[in-house]
Amino acid sequence: MNYQSLGRTGVRVSPLCFGTMSFGGDADREASAAMYAACRDHGINFFDCANAYQKGAAEEILGELVAGHRDELVITSKFWNPMGADVNAQ
């Protein structure tokens, strides 16, 4: 894998960032795990997630999958989307 610098941070990431929007939706836990494993097998160390993906299920699944090797990965997130009606649920 030809890793690239992430801006001027000194962090090196794969040129592809794998989006996890399907985790917990179109992709159940088993399919999500298979996709994640395929990414890691090909050197991808850059993953995108968000609280709104499948109402938090994608974050839960990704969290389980990265356990034990979180320090090897870069995970991006988005956090603005409302998760409920409460004023603090956004």
PDB file of N, CA and C in Angstrom:
ATOM      1  N   MET A   1       0.852  -1.178   0.000  1.00  0.00           N
ATOM      2  CA  MET A   1       0.000   0.000   0.000  1.00  0.00           C
ATOM      3  C   MET A   1       0.895   1.237   0.000  1.00  0.00           C
ATOM      4  N   ASN A   2       0.544   2.197  -0.809  1.00  0.00           N
ATOM      5  CA  ASN A   2       1.273   3.456  -0.892  1.00  0.00           C
ATOM      6  C   ASN A   2       0.585   4.467   0.034  1.00  0.00           C
ATOM      7  N   TYR A   3       0.996   4.500   1.292  1.00  0.00           N
ATOM      8  CA  TYR A   3       0.370   5.389   2.278  1.00  0.00           C
ATOM      9  C   TYR A   3       0.747   6.832   2.002  1.00  0.00           C
ATOM     10  N   GLN A   4      -0.185   7.730   2.328  1.00  0.00           N
ATOM     11  CA  GLN A   4       0.006   9.145   2.073  1.00  0.00           C
ATOM     12  C   GLN A   4      -0.144   9.930   3.365  1.00  0.00           C
ATOM     13  N   SER A   5       0.528  11.065   3.420  1.00  0.00           N
ATOM     14  CA  SER A   5       0.406  11.925   4.593  1.00  0.00           C
ATOM     15  C   SER A   5      -0.980  12.540   4.647  1.00  0.00           C
ATOM     16  N   LEU A   6      -1.531  12.607   5.837  1.00  0.00           N
ATOM     17  CA  LEU A   6      -2.819  13.250   6.057  1.00  0.00           C
ATOM     18  C   LEU A   6      -2.538  14.712   6.399  1.00  0.00           C
ATOM     19  N   GLY A   7      -2.529  15.528   5.366  1.00  0.00           N
ATOM     20  CA  GLY A   7      -2.186  16.935   5.551  1.00  0.00           C
ATOM     21  C   GLY A   7      -0.780  17.073   6.103  1.00  0.00           C
ATOM     22  N   ARG A   8      -0.638  17.952   7.096  1.00  0.00           N
ATOM     23  CA  ARG A   8       0.666  18.162   7.733  1.00  0.00           C
ATOM     24  C   ARG A   8       0.722  17.525   9.115  1.00  0.00           C
ATOM     25  N   THR A   9      -0.122  16.518   9.353  1.00  0.00           N
ATOM     26  CA  THR A   9      -0.216  15.912  10.681  1.00  0.00           C
ATOM     27  C   THR A   9       0.907  14.932  10.981  1.00  0.00           C
ATOM     28  N   GLY A  10       1.538  14.395   9.943  1.00  0.00           N
ATOM     29  CA  GLY A  10       2.526  13.349  10.135  1.00  0.00           C
ATOM     30  C   GLY A  10       1.905  11.963  10.148  1.00  0.00           C
ATOM     31  N   VAL A  11       0.589  11.898  10.141  1.00  0.00           N
ATOM     32  CA  VAL A  11      -0.135  10.627  10.113  1.00  0.00           C
ATOM     33  C   VAL A  11      -0.179  10.123   8.684  1.00  0.00           C
ATOM     34  N   ARG A  12       0.069   8.831   8.498  1.00  0.00           N
ATOM     35  CA  ARG A  12       0.059   8.229   7.163  1.00  0.00           C
ATOM     36  C   ARG A  12      -1.166   7.327   7.033  1.00  0.00           C
ATOM     37  N   VAL A  13      -1.917   7.540   5.957  1.00  0.00           N
ATOM     38  CA  VAL A  13      -3.150   6.784   5.735  1.00  0.00           C
ATOM     39  C   VAL A  13      -3.151   6.168   4.345  1.00  0.00           C
ATOM     40  N   SER A  14      -3.952   5.125   4.207  1.00  0.00           N
ATOM     41  CA  SER A  14      -4.149   4.520   2.894  1.00  0.00           C
ATOM     42  C   SER A  14      -4.835   5.555   1.995  1.00  0.00           C
ATOM     43  N   PRO A  15      -4.599   5.499   0.686  1.00  0.00           N
ATOM     44  CA  PRO A  15      -5.224   6.470  -0.210  1.00  0.00           C
ATOM     45  C   PRO A  15      -6.743   6.294  -0.303  1.00  0.00           C
ATOM     46  N   LEU A  16      -7.233   5.159   0.153  1.00  0.00           N
ATOM     47  CA  LEU A  16      -8.670   4.913   0.190  1.00  0.00           C
ATOM     48  C   LEU A  16      -9.147   4.943   1.636  1.00  0.00           C
ATOM     49  N   CYS A  17     -10.238   5.636   1.860  1.00  0.00           N
ATOM     50  CA  CYS A  17     -10.891   5.653   3.167  1.00  0.00           C
ATOM     51  C   CYS A  17     -12.191   4.863   2.999  1.00  0.00           C
ATOM     52  N   PHE A  18     -12.359   3.795   3.773  1.00  0.00           N
ATOM     53  CA  PHE A  18     -13.536   2.940   3.629  1.00  0.00           C
ATOM     54  C   PHE A  18     -14.684   3.484   4.471  1.00  0.00           C
ATOM     55  N   GLY A  19     -15.798   3.788   3.831  1.00  0.00           N
ATOM     56  CA  GLY A  19     -16.991   4.273   4.518  1.00  0.00           C
ATOM     57  C   GLY A  19     -17.815   3.122   5.073  1.00  0.00           C
ATOM     58  N   THR A  20     -18.302   3.290   6.296  1.00  0.00           N
ATOM     59  CA  THR A  20     -19.007   2.210   6.990  1.00  0.00           C
ATOM     60  C   THR A  20     -20.511   2.433   7.087  1.00  0.00           C
ATOM     61  N   MET A  21     -21.071   3.250   6.213  1.00  0.00           N
ATOM     62  CA  MET A  21     -22.502   3.552   6.291  1.00  0.00           C
ATOM     63  C   MET A  21     -23.373   2.298   6.209  1.00  0.00           C
ATOM     64  N   SER A  22     -22.905   1.277   5.524  1.00  0.00           N
ATOM     65  CA  SER A  22     -23.717   0.062   5.374  1.00  0.00           C
ATOM     66  C   SER A  22     -23.650  -0.855   6.595  1.00  0.00           C
ATOM     67  N   PHE A  23     -22.678  -0.653   7.495  1.00  0.00           N
ATOM     68  CA  PHE A  23     -22.542  -1.511   8.674  1.00  0.00           C
ATOM     69  C   PHE A  23     -23.802  -1.408   9.532  1.00  0.00           C
ATOM     70  N   GLY A  24     -24.438  -2.526   9.781  1.00  0.00           N
ATOM     71  CA  GLY A  24     -25.649  -2.539  10.588  1.00  0.00           C
ATOM     72  C   GLY A  24     -26.902  -2.235   9.796  1.00  0.00           C
ATOM     73  N   GLY A  25     -26.768  -2.037   8.499  1.00  0.00           N
ATOM     74  CA  GLY A  25     -27.909  -1.779   7.622  1.00  0.00           C
ATOM     75  C   GLY A  25     -27.931  -2.836   6.538  1.00  0.00           C
ATOM     76  N   ASP A  26     -27.520  -2.448   5.328  1.00  0.00           N
ATOM     77  CA  ASP A  26     -27.433  -3.416   4.233  1.00  0.00           C
ATOM     78  C   ASP A  26     -26.473  -4.547   4.572  1.00  0.00           C
ATOM     79  N   ALA A  27     -25.466  -4.238   5.381  1.00  0.00           N
ATOM     80  CA  ALA A  27     -24.483  -5.252   5.794  1.00  0.00           C
ATOM     81  C   ALA A  27     -24.696  -5.593   7.266  1.00  0.00           C
ATOM     82  N   ASP A  28     -25.093  -6.830   7.536  1.00  0.00           N
ATOM     83  CA  ASP A  28     -25.236  -7.253   8.934  1.00  0.00           C
ATOM     84  C   ASP A  28     -23.845  -7.389   9.547  1.00  0.00           C
ATOM     85  N   ARG A  29     -23.761  -7.816  10.805  1.00  0.00           N
ATOM     86  CA  ARG A  29     -22.457  -7.901  11.490  1.00  0.00           C
ATOM     87  C   ARG A  29     -21.481  -8.811  10.750  1.00  0.00           C
ATOM     88  N   GLU A  30     -21.969  -9.915  10.245  1.00  0.00           N
ATOM     89  CA  GLU A  30     -21.098 -10.861   9.535  1.00  0.00           C
ATOM     90  C   GLU A  30     -20.554 -10.248   8.246  1.00  0.00           C
ATOM     91  N   ALA A  31     -21.422  -9.628   7.456  1.00  0.00           N
ATOM     92  CA  ALA A  31     -20.986  -8.996   6.208  1.00  0.00           C
ATOM     93  C   ALA A  31     -20.069  -7.805   6.495  1.00  0.00           C
ATOM     94  N   SER A  32     -20.380  -7.050   7.542  1.00  0.00           N
ATOM     95  CA  SER A  32     -19.532  -5.918   7.932  1.00  0.00           C
ATOM     96  C   SER A  32     -18.140  -6.403   8.306  1.00  0.00           C
ATOM     97  N   ALA A  33     -18.081  -7.486   9.073  1.00  0.00           N
ATOM     98  CA  ALA A  33     -16.793  -8.046   9.484  1.00  0.00           C
ATOM     99  C   ALA A  33     -16.000  -8.520   8.270  1.00  0.00           C
ATOM    100  N   ALA A  34     -16.678  -9.102   7.295  1.00  0.00           N
ATOM    101  CA  ALA A  34     -15.999  -9.571   6.087  1.00  0.00           C
ATOM    102  C   ALA A  34     -15.444  -8.397   5.283  1.00  0.00           C
ATOM    103  N   MET A  35     -16.214  -7.331   5.158  1.00  0.00           N
ATOM    104  CA  MET A  35     -15.737  -6.153   4.429  1.00  0.00           C
ATOM    105  C   MET A  35     -14.553  -5.516   5.153  1.00  0.00           C
ATOM    106  N   TYR A  36     -14.657  -5.396   6.467  1.00  0.00           N
ATOM    107  CA  TYR A  36     -13.578  -4.826   7.265  1.00  0.00           C
ATOM    108  C   TYR A  36     -12.306  -5.669   7.113  1.00  0.00           C
ATOM    109  N   ALA A  37     -12.428  -6.979   7.195  1.00  0.00           N
ATOM    110  CA  ALA A  37     -11.273  -7.863   7.060  1.00  0.00           C
ATOM    111  C   ALA A  37     -10.640  -7.730   5.674  1.00  0.00           C
ATOM    112  N   ALA A  38     -11.452  -7.625   4.644  1.00  0.00           N
ATOM    113  CA  ALA A  38     -10.917  -7.464   3.291  1.00  0.00           C
ATOM    114  C   ALA A  38     -10.142  -6.154   3.173  1.00  0.00           C
ATOM    115  N   CYS A  39     -10.673  -5.104   3.764  1.00  0.00           N
ATOM    116  CA  CYS A  39      -9.963  -3.817   3.759  1.00  0.00           C
ATOM    117  C   CYS A  39      -8.618  -3.945   4.453  1.00  0.00           C
ATOM    118  N   ARG A  40      -8.622  -4.521   5.639  1.00  0.00           N
ATOM    119  CA  ARG A  40      -7.374  -4.655   6.409  1.00  0.00           C
ATOM    120  C   ARG A  40      -6.382  -5.557   5.680  1.00  0.00           C
ATOM    121  N   ASP A  41      -6.873  -6.630   5.050  1.00  0.00           N
ATOM    122  CA  ASP A  41      -6.003  -7.532   4.289  1.00  0.00           C
ATOM    123  C   ASP A  41      -5.310  -6.801   3.141  1.00  0.00           C
ATOM    124  N   HIS A  42      -5.948  -5.748   2.636  1.00  0.00           N
ATOM    125  CA  HIS A  42      -5.378  -4.983   1.521  1.00  0.00           C
ATOM    126  C   HIS A  42      -4.664  -3.723   1.991  1.00  0.00           C
ATOM    127  N   GLY A  43      -4.469  -3.583   3.293  1.00  0.00           N
ATOM    128  CA  GLY A  43      -3.681  -2.482   3.825  1.00  0.00           C
ATOM    129  C   GLY A  43      -4.429  -1.207   4.150  1.00  0.00           C
ATOM    130  N   ILE A  44      -5.740  -1.215   4.017  1.00  0.00           N
ATOM    131  CA  ILE A  44      -6.499  -0.006   4.344  1.00  0.00           C
ATOM    132  C   ILE A  44      -6.459   0.213   5.857  1.00  0.00           C
ATOM    133  N   ASN A  45      -6.085   1.426   6.246  1.00  0.00           N
ATOM    134  CA  ASN A  45      -6.024   1.774   7.668  1.00  0.00           C
ATOM    135  C   ASN A  45      -6.867   3.007   7.987  1.00  0.00           C
ATOM    136  N   PHE A  46      -7.725   3.410   7.063  1.00  0.00           N
ATOM    137  CA  PHE A  46      -8.471   4.662   7.128  1.00  0.00           C
ATOM    138  C   PHE A  46      -9.960   4.334   6.955  1.00  0.00           C
ATOM    139  N   PHE A  47     -10.767   4.626   7.973  1.00  0.00           N
ATOM    140  CA  PHE A  47     -12.193   4.289   7.969  1.00  0.00           C
ATOM    141  C   PHE A  47     -13.015   5.506   8.360  1.00  0.00           C
ATOM    142  N   ASP A  48     -14.178   5.623   7.744  1.00  0.00           N
ATOM    143  CA  ASP A  48     -15.089   6.728   8.045  1.00  0.00           C
ATOM    144  C   ASP A  48     -16.355   6.179   8.683  1.00  0.00           C
ATOM    145  N   CYS A  49     -16.862   6.890   9.676  1.00  0.00           N
ATOM    146  CA  CYS A  49     -18.093   6.492  10.348  1.00  0.00           C
ATOM    147  C   CYS A  49     -18.853   7.759  10.749  1.00  0.00           C
ATOM    148  N   ALA A  50     -20.029   7.606  11.294  1.00  0.00           N
ATOM    149  CA  ALA A  50     -20.810   8.735  11.801  1.00  0.00           C
ATOM    150  C   ALA A  50     -21.873   8.226  12.753  1.00  0.00           C
ATOM    151  N   ASN A  51     -22.253   9.079  13.687  1.00  0.00           N
ATOM    152  CA  ASN A  51     -23.272   8.676  14.656  1.00  0.00           C
ATOM    153  C   ASN A  51     -24.600   8.359  13.975  1.00  0.00           C
ATOM    154  N   ALA A  52     -24.878   9.009  12.866  1.00  0.00           N
ATOM    155  CA  ALA A  52     -26.166   8.818  12.198  1.00  0.00           C
ATOM    156  C   ALA A  52     -26.221   7.557  11.332  1.00  0.00           C
ATOM    157  N   TYR A  53     -25.086   6.931  11.064  1.00  0.00           N
ATOM    158  CA  TYR A  53     -25.096   5.720  10.240  1.00  0.00           C
ATOM    159  C   TYR A  53     -25.817   4.617  11.000  1.00  0.00           C
ATOM    160  N   GLN A  54     -26.960   4.246  10.468  1.00  0.00           N
ATOM    161  CA  GLN A  54     -27.794   3.177  11.043  1.00  0.00           C
ATOM    162  C   GLN A  54     -28.104   3.438  12.519  1.00  0.00           C
ATOM    163  N   LYS A  55     -28.328   4.723  12.846  1.00  0.00           N
ATOM    164  CA  LYS A  55     -28.688   5.135  14.217  1.00  0.00           C
ATOM    165  C   LYS A  55     -27.665   4.655  15.253  1.00  0.00           C
ATOM    166  N   GLY A  56     -26.409   4.699  14.887  1.00  0.00           N
ATOM    167  CA  GLY A  56     -25.341   4.334  15.805  1.00  0.00           C
ATOM    168  C   GLY A  56     -24.834   2.914  15.666  1.00  0.00           C
ATOM    169  N   ALA A  57     -25.558   2.068  14.942  1.00  0.00           N
ATOM    170  CA  ALA A  57     -25.149   0.661  14.809  1.00  0.00           C
ATOM    171  C   ALA A  57     -23.800   0.538  14.096  1.00  0.00           C
ATOM    172  N   ALA A  58     -23.552   1.389  13.103  1.00  0.00           N
ATOM    173  CA  ALA A  58     -22.280   1.318  12.380  1.00  0.00           C
ATOM    174  C   ALA A  58     -21.110   1.601  13.318  1.00  0.00           C
ATOM    175  N   GLU A  59     -21.276   2.579  14.207  1.00  0.00           N
ATOM    176  CA  GLU A  59     -20.222   2.880  15.180  1.00  0.00           C
ATOM    177  C   GLU A  59     -19.989   1.697  16.117  1.00  0.00           C
ATOM    178  N   GLU A  60     -21.065   1.076  16.552  1.00  0.00           N
ATOM    179  CA  GLU A  60     -20.935  -0.076  17.454  1.00  0.00           C
ATOM    180  C   GLU A  60     -20.191  -1.226  16.780  1.00  0.00           C
ATOM    181  N   ILE A  61     -20.569  -1.519  15.549  1.00  0.00           N
ATOM    182  CA  ILE A  61     -19.931  -2.622  14.826  1.00  0.00           C
ATOM    183  C   ILE A  61     -18.469  -2.297  14.549  1.00  0.00           C
ATOM    184  N   LEU A  62     -18.193  -1.090  14.064  1.00  0.00           N
ATOM    185  CA  LEU A  62     -16.806  -0.721  13.794  1.00  0.00           C
ATOM    186  C   LEU A  62     -15.984  -0.777  15.082  1.00  0.00           C
ATOM    187  N   GLY A  63     -16.552  -0.328  16.183  1.00  0.00           N
ATOM    188  CA  GLY A  63     -15.860  -0.384  17.462  1.00  0.00           C
ATOM    189  C   GLY A  63     -15.480  -1.801  17.849  1.00  0.00           C
ATOM    190  N   GLU A  64     -16.380  -2.736  17.624  1.00  0.00           N
ATOM    191  CA  GLU A  64     -16.079  -4.143  17.919  1.00  0.00           C
ATOM    192  C   GLU A  64     -14.979  -4.671  17.010  1.00  0.00           C
ATOM    193  N   LEU A  65     -15.022  -4.270  15.748  1.00  0.00           N
ATOM    194  CA  LEU A  65     -14.055  -4.785  14.778  1.00  0.00           C
ATOM    195  C   LEU A  65     -12.645  -4.248  15.003  1.00  0.00           C
ATOM    196  N   VAL A  66     -12.519  -3.049  15.499  1.00  0.00           N
ATOM    197  CA  VAL A  66     -11.187  -2.460  15.682  1.00  0.00           C
ATOM    198  C   VAL A  66     -10.561  -2.819  17.025  1.00  0.00           C
ATOM    199  N   ALA A  67     -11.320  -3.463  17.894  1.00  0.00           N
ATOM    200  CA  ALA A  67     -10.801  -3.817  19.222  1.00  0.00           C
ATOM    201  C   ALA A  67      -9.501  -4.607  19.079  1.00  0.00           C
ATOM    202  N   GLY A  68      -8.502  -4.201  19.824  1.00  0.00           N
ATOM    203  CA  GLY A  68      -7.234  -4.900  19.812  1.00  0.00           C
ATOM    204  C   GLY A  68      -6.203  -4.324  18.865  1.00  0.00           C
ATOM    205  N   HIS A  69      -6.642  -3.508  17.899  1.00  0.00           N
ATOM    206  CA  HIS A  69      -5.675  -2.890  16.994  1.00  0.00           C
ATOM    207  C   HIS A  69      -6.074  -1.468  16.609  1.00  0.00           C
ATOM    208  N   ARG A  70      -6.774  -0.805  17.507  1.00  0.00           N
ATOM    209  CA  ARG A  70      -7.236   0.559  17.253  1.00  0.00           C
ATOM    210  C   ARG A  70      -6.082   1.512  16.965  1.00  0.00           C
ATOM    211  N   ASP A  71      -4.935   1.306  17.605  1.00  0.00           N
ATOM    212  CA  ASP A  71      -3.795   2.202  17.416  1.00  0.00           C
ATOM    213  C   ASP A  71      -3.213   2.156  16.008  1.00  0.00           C
ATOM    214  N   GLU A  72      -3.608   1.182  15.211  1.00  0.00           N
ATOM    215  CA  GLU A  72      -3.102   1.046  13.849  1.00  0.00           C
ATOM    216  C   GLU A  72      -3.976   1.770  12.829  1.00  0.00           C
ATOM    217  N   LEU A  73      -5.081   2.367  13.277  1.00  0.00           N
ATOM    218  CA  LEU A  73      -6.085   2.896  12.362  1.00  0.00           C
ATOM    219  C   LEU A  73      -6.325   4.385  12.546  1.00  0.00           C
ATOM    220  N   VAL A  74      -6.840   4.994  11.489  1.00  0.00           N
ATOM    221  CA  VAL A  74      -7.344   6.357  11.548  1.00  0.00           C
ATOM    222  C   VAL A  74      -8.837   6.265  11.253  1.00  0.00           C
ATOM    223  N   ILE A  75      -9.638   6.798  12.169  1.00  0.00           N
ATOM    224  CA  ILE A  75     -11.094   6.748  12.009  1.00  0.00           C
ATOM    225  C   ILE A  75     -11.631   8.167  12.017  1.00  0.00           C
ATOM    226  N   THR A  76     -12.355   8.501  10.973  1.00  0.00           N
ATOM    227  CA  THR A  76     -12.982   9.814  10.895  1.00  0.00           C
ATOM    228  C   THR A  76     -14.435   9.675  11.327  1.00  0.00           C
ATOM    229  N   SER A  77     -15.050  10.784  11.679  1.00  0.00           N
ATOM    230  CA  SER A  77     -16.441  10.754  12.097  1.00  0.00           C
ATOM    231  C   SER A  77     -17.124  12.061  11.764  1.00  0.00           C
ATOM    232  N   LYS A  78     -18.413  12.014  11.736  1.00  0.00           N
ATOM    233  CA  LYS A  78     -19.257  13.190  11.633  1.00  0.00           C
ATOM    234  C   LYS A  78     -20.208  13.116  12.821  1.00  0.00           C
ATOM    235  N   PHE A  79     -20.575  14.253  13.369  1.00  0.00           N
ATOM    236  CA  PHE A  79     -21.336  14.200  14.614  1.00  0.00           C
ATOM    237  C   PHE A  79     -22.443  15.228  14.719  1.00  0.00           C
ATOM    238  N   TRP A  80     -22.833  15.854  13.670  1.00  0.00           N
ATOM    239  CA  TRP A  80     -23.842  16.898  13.738  1.00  0.00           C
ATOM    240  C   TRP A  80     -25.270  16.354  13.645  1.00  0.00           C
ATOM    241  N   ASN A  81     -25.475  15.298  12.931  1.00  0.00           N
ATOM    242  CA  ASN A  81     -26.826  14.810  12.657  1.00  0.00           C
ATOM    243  C   ASN A  81     -27.566  14.458  13.954  1.00  0.00           C
ATOM    244  N   PRO A  82     -28.810  14.913  14.071  1.00  0.00           N
ATOM    245  CA  PRO A  82     -29.602  14.636  15.256  1.00  0.00           C
ATOM    246  C   PRO A  82     -29.807  13.138  15.478  1.00  0.00           C
ATOM    247  N   MET A  83     -29.670  12.700  16.717  1.00  0.00           N
ATOM    248  CA  MET A  83     -29.886  11.297  17.070  1.00  0.00           C
ATOM    249  C   MET A  83     -31.184  11.123  17.861  1.00  0.00           C
ATOM    250  N   GLY A  84     -31.871  12.220  18.134  1.00  0.00           N
ATOM    251  CA  GLY A  84     -33.119  12.196  18.872  1.00  0.00           C
ATOM    252  C   GLY A  84     -33.688  13.593  18.935  1.00  0.00           C
ATOM    253  N   ALA A  85     -34.809  13.745  19.638  1.00  0.00           N
ATOM    254  CA  ALA A  85     -35.494  15.036  19.714  1.00  0.00           C
ATOM    255  C   ALA A  85     -34.921  15.969  20.771  1.00  0.00           C
ATOM    256  N   ASP A  86     -34.185  15.433  21.726  1.00  0.00           N
ATOM    257  CA  ASP A  86     -33.647  16.249  22.817  1.00  0.00           C
ATOM    258  C   ASP A  86     -32.655  17.298  22.277  1.00  0.00           C
ATOM    259  N   VAL A  87     -32.613  18.438  22.944  1.00  0.00           N
ATOM    260  CA  VAL A  87     -31.731  19.521  22.532  1.00  0.00           C
ATOM    261  C   VAL A  87     -30.260  19.083  22.523  1.00  0.00           C
ATOM    262  N   ASN A  88     -29.903  18.118  23.344  1.00  0.00           N
ATOM    263  CA  ASN A  88     -28.531  17.642  23.422  1.00  0.00           C
ATOM    264  C   ASN A  88     -28.270  16.364  22.626  1.00  0.00           C
ATOM    265  N   ALA A  89     -29.198  16.000  21.775  1.00  0.00           N
ATOM    266  CA  ALA A  89     -29.054  14.771  20.987  1.00  0.00           C
ATOM    267  C   ALA A  89     -28.522  15.072  19.589  1.00  0.00           C
ATOM    268  N   GLN A  90     -27.753  16.145  19.490  1.00  0.00           N
ATOM    269  CA  GLN A  90     -27.196  16.524  18.194  1.00  0.00           C
ATOM    270  C   GLN A  90     -25.732  16.871  18.358  1.00  0.00           C
TER     271      GLN A  90
END
